[in-house]
Amino acid sequence: MAQDTKELQAINTAWQIAIQEILRMIIRDVYHAGGEAALKTQIKRIEEAAVDSIYSDQRLRGTDEWTEVLVKEKASNFVTTLLTSFTYDRA
């Protein structure tokens, strides 16, 4: 069981790093294309759409309500934390 837990943690970490790097590149391009105001607008739009998508997703249906709410809440918090963690120099 401990090996399964370590493997699951490694997979989760790998996904997190991959998604973070993809978002970093996309957000950098949005910043360079439109400046800080456009970046803030796009990040807010992406965050709202992602959270809405998480809460309307059907994949967790059939699990108990507590698990469904917990996973969706954690996923929404992850989206918000990830998207608001990006900062770029104005230069």
C-alpha atoms as a PDB file:
ATOM      1  CA  MET A   1       0.000   0.000   0.000  1.00  0.00           C
ATOM      2  CA  ALA A   2       2.841   2.424   0.803  1.00  0.00           C
ATOM      3  CA  GLN A   3       4.319   1.904  -2.673  1.00  0.00           C
ATOM      4  CA  ASP A   4       0.932   2.671  -4.253  1.00  0.00           C
ATOM      5  CA  THR A   5       0.720   5.868  -2.205  1.00  0.00           C
ATOM      6  CA  LYS A   6       4.200   6.973  -3.304  1.00  0.00           C
ATOM      7  CA  GLU A   7       3.377   6.242  -6.938  1.00  0.00           C
ATOM      8  CA  LEU A   8       0.124   8.186  -6.692  1.00  0.00           C
ATOM      9  CA  GLN A   9       1.958  11.129  -5.110  1.00  0.00           C
ATOM     10  CA  ALA A  10       4.582  11.012  -7.882  1.00  0.00           C
ATOM     11  CA  ILE A  11       1.875  11.011 -10.565  1.00  0.00           C
ATOM     12  CA  ASN A  12       0.055  13.911  -8.895  1.00  0.00           C
ATOM     13  CA  THR A  13       3.276  15.898  -8.595  1.00  0.00           C
ATOM     14  CA  ALA A  14       4.152  15.213 -12.238  1.00  0.00           C
ATOM     15  CA  TRP A  15       0.711  16.411 -13.389  1.00  0.00           C
ATOM     16  CA  GLN A  16       0.976  19.512 -11.250  1.00  0.00           C
ATOM     17  CA  ILE A  17       4.399  20.420 -12.646  1.00  0.00           C
ATOM     18  CA  ALA A  18       3.302  19.774 -16.232  1.00  0.00           C
ATOM     19  CA  ILE A  19       0.119  21.836 -15.941  1.00  0.00           C
ATOM     20  CA  GLN A  20       1.950  24.624 -14.137  1.00  0.00           C
ATOM     21  CA  GLU A  21       4.547  24.873 -16.908  1.00  0.00           C
ATOM     22  CA  ILE A  22       1.905  24.840 -19.649  1.00  0.00           C
ATOM     23  CA  LEU A  23      -0.028  27.586 -17.870  1.00  0.00           C
ATOM     24  CA  ARG A  24       3.142  29.578 -17.265  1.00  0.00           C
ATOM     25  CA  MET A  25       3.866  29.612 -21.006  1.00  0.00           C
ATOM     26  CA  ILE A  26       0.297  30.516 -21.939  1.00  0.00           C
ATOM     27  CA  ILE A  27       0.071  33.237 -19.321  1.00  0.00           C
ATOM     28  CA  ARG A  28       3.460  34.638 -20.355  1.00  0.00           C
ATOM     29  CA  ASP A  29       2.232  34.890 -23.960  1.00  0.00           C
ATOM     30  CA  VAL A  30      -1.013  36.596 -22.895  1.00  0.00           C
ATOM     31  CA  TYR A  31       0.993  39.061 -20.799  1.00  0.00           C
ATOM     32  CA  HIS A  32       3.365  39.885 -23.644  1.00  0.00           C
ATOM     33  CA  ALA A  33       0.512  40.200 -26.148  1.00  0.00           C
ATOM     34  CA  GLY A  34      -1.780  42.462 -24.161  1.00  0.00           C
ATOM     35  CA  GLY A  35      -0.053  43.717 -21.051  1.00  0.00           C
ATOM     36  CA  GLU A  36      -1.012  43.551 -17.417  1.00  0.00           C
ATOM     37  CA  ALA A  37      -4.670  44.575 -17.809  1.00  0.00           C
ATOM     38  CA  ALA A  38      -5.311  41.883 -20.420  1.00  0.00           C
ATOM     39  CA  LEU A  39      -3.493  39.319 -18.279  1.00  0.00           C
ATOM     40  CA  LYS A  40      -5.629  40.062 -15.214  1.00  0.00           C
ATOM     41  CA  THR A  41      -8.828  39.932 -17.273  1.00  0.00           C
ATOM     42  CA  GLN A  42      -7.890  36.626 -18.885  1.00  0.00           C
ATOM     43  CA  ILE A  43      -6.799  35.022 -15.613  1.00  0.00           C
ATOM     44  CA  LYS A  44     -10.087  35.989 -13.949  1.00  0.00           C
ATOM     45  CA  ARG A  45     -12.058  34.627 -16.927  1.00  0.00           C
ATOM     46  CA  ILE A  46     -10.095  31.360 -16.936  1.00  0.00           C
ATOM     47  CA  GLU A  47     -10.458  30.956 -13.165  1.00  0.00           C
ATOM     48  CA  GLU A  48     -14.230  31.501 -13.241  1.00  0.00           C
ATOM     49  CA  ALA A  49     -14.709  29.147 -16.199  1.00  0.00           C
ATOM     50  CA  ALA A  50     -12.526  26.436 -14.655  1.00  0.00           C
ATOM     51  CA  VAL A  51     -14.303  26.547 -11.297  1.00  0.00           C
ATOM     52  CA  ASP A  52     -17.703  26.488 -13.022  1.00  0.00           C
ATOM     53  CA  SER A  53     -16.572  23.513 -15.097  1.00  0.00           C
ATOM     54  CA  ILE A  54     -15.344  21.655 -12.014  1.00  0.00           C
ATOM     55  CA  TYR A  55     -18.656  22.098 -10.227  1.00  0.00           C
ATOM     56  CA  SER A  56     -20.752  21.055 -13.238  1.00  0.00           C
ATOM     57  CA  ASP A  57     -18.539  18.055 -14.103  1.00  0.00           C
ATOM     58  CA  GLN A  58     -20.288  14.686 -14.101  1.00  0.00           C
ATOM     59  CA  ARG A  59     -17.241  12.440 -13.500  1.00  0.00           C
ATOM     60  CA  LEU A  60     -17.680  12.278  -9.751  1.00  0.00           C
ATOM     61  CA  ARG A  61     -21.378  11.485  -9.846  1.00  0.00           C
ATOM     62  CA  GLY A  62     -22.043   8.195  -8.128  1.00  0.00           C
ATOM     63  CA  THR A  63     -19.500   8.793  -5.371  1.00  0.00           C
ATOM     64  CA  ASP A  64     -20.783   9.799  -1.990  1.00  0.00           C
ATOM     65  CA  GLU A  65     -21.710  13.461  -1.631  1.00  0.00           C
ATOM     66  CA  TRP A  66     -18.909  14.224   0.842  1.00  0.00           C
ATOM     67  CA  THR A  67     -16.233  12.945  -1.569  1.00  0.00           C
ATOM     68  CA  GLU A  68     -17.743  14.806  -4.511  1.00  0.00           C
ATOM     69  CA  VAL A  69     -17.889  18.111  -2.621  1.00  0.00           C
ATOM     70  CA  LEU A  70     -14.405  17.677  -1.159  1.00  0.00           C
ATOM     71  CA  VAL A  71     -12.762  16.873  -4.509  1.00  0.00           C
ATOM     72  CA  LYS A  72     -14.514  19.732  -6.292  1.00  0.00           C
ATOM     73  CA  GLU A  73     -13.645  22.176  -3.520  1.00  0.00           C
ATOM     74  CA  LYS A  74      -9.991  21.127  -3.545  1.00  0.00           C
ATOM     75  CA  ALA A  75      -9.848  21.291  -7.362  1.00  0.00           C
ATOM     76  CA  SER A  76     -11.377  24.781  -7.326  1.00  0.00           C
ATOM     77  CA  ASN A  77      -8.915  25.947  -4.681  1.00  0.00           C
ATOM     78  CA  PHE A  78      -6.060  24.484  -6.718  1.00  0.00           C
ATOM     79  CA  VAL A  79      -7.181  26.396  -9.837  1.00  0.00           C
ATOM     80  CA  THR A  80      -7.392  29.675  -7.919  1.00  0.00           C
ATOM     81  CA  THR A  81      -4.039  29.164  -6.200  1.00  0.00           C
ATOM     82  CA  LEU A  82      -2.303  28.163  -9.406  1.00  0.00           C
ATOM     83  CA  LEU A  83      -3.665  31.004 -11.513  1.00  0.00           C
ATOM     84  CA  THR A  84      -2.990  33.687  -8.932  1.00  0.00           C
ATOM     85  CA  SER A  85       0.569  32.479  -8.345  1.00  0.00           C
ATOM     86  CA  PHE A  86       1.905  33.847 -11.629  1.00  0.00           C
ATOM     87  CA  THR A  87       3.664  37.196 -11.635  1.00  0.00           C
ATOM     88  CA  TYR A  88       5.689  38.864 -14.369  1.00  0.00           C
ATOM     89  CA  ASP A  89       8.003  41.792 -14.476  1.00  0.00           C
ATOM     90  CA  ARG A  90       6.739  44.749 -16.423  1.00  0.00           C
ATOM     91  CA  ALA A  91       9.970  45.005 -18.375  1.00  0.00           C
END
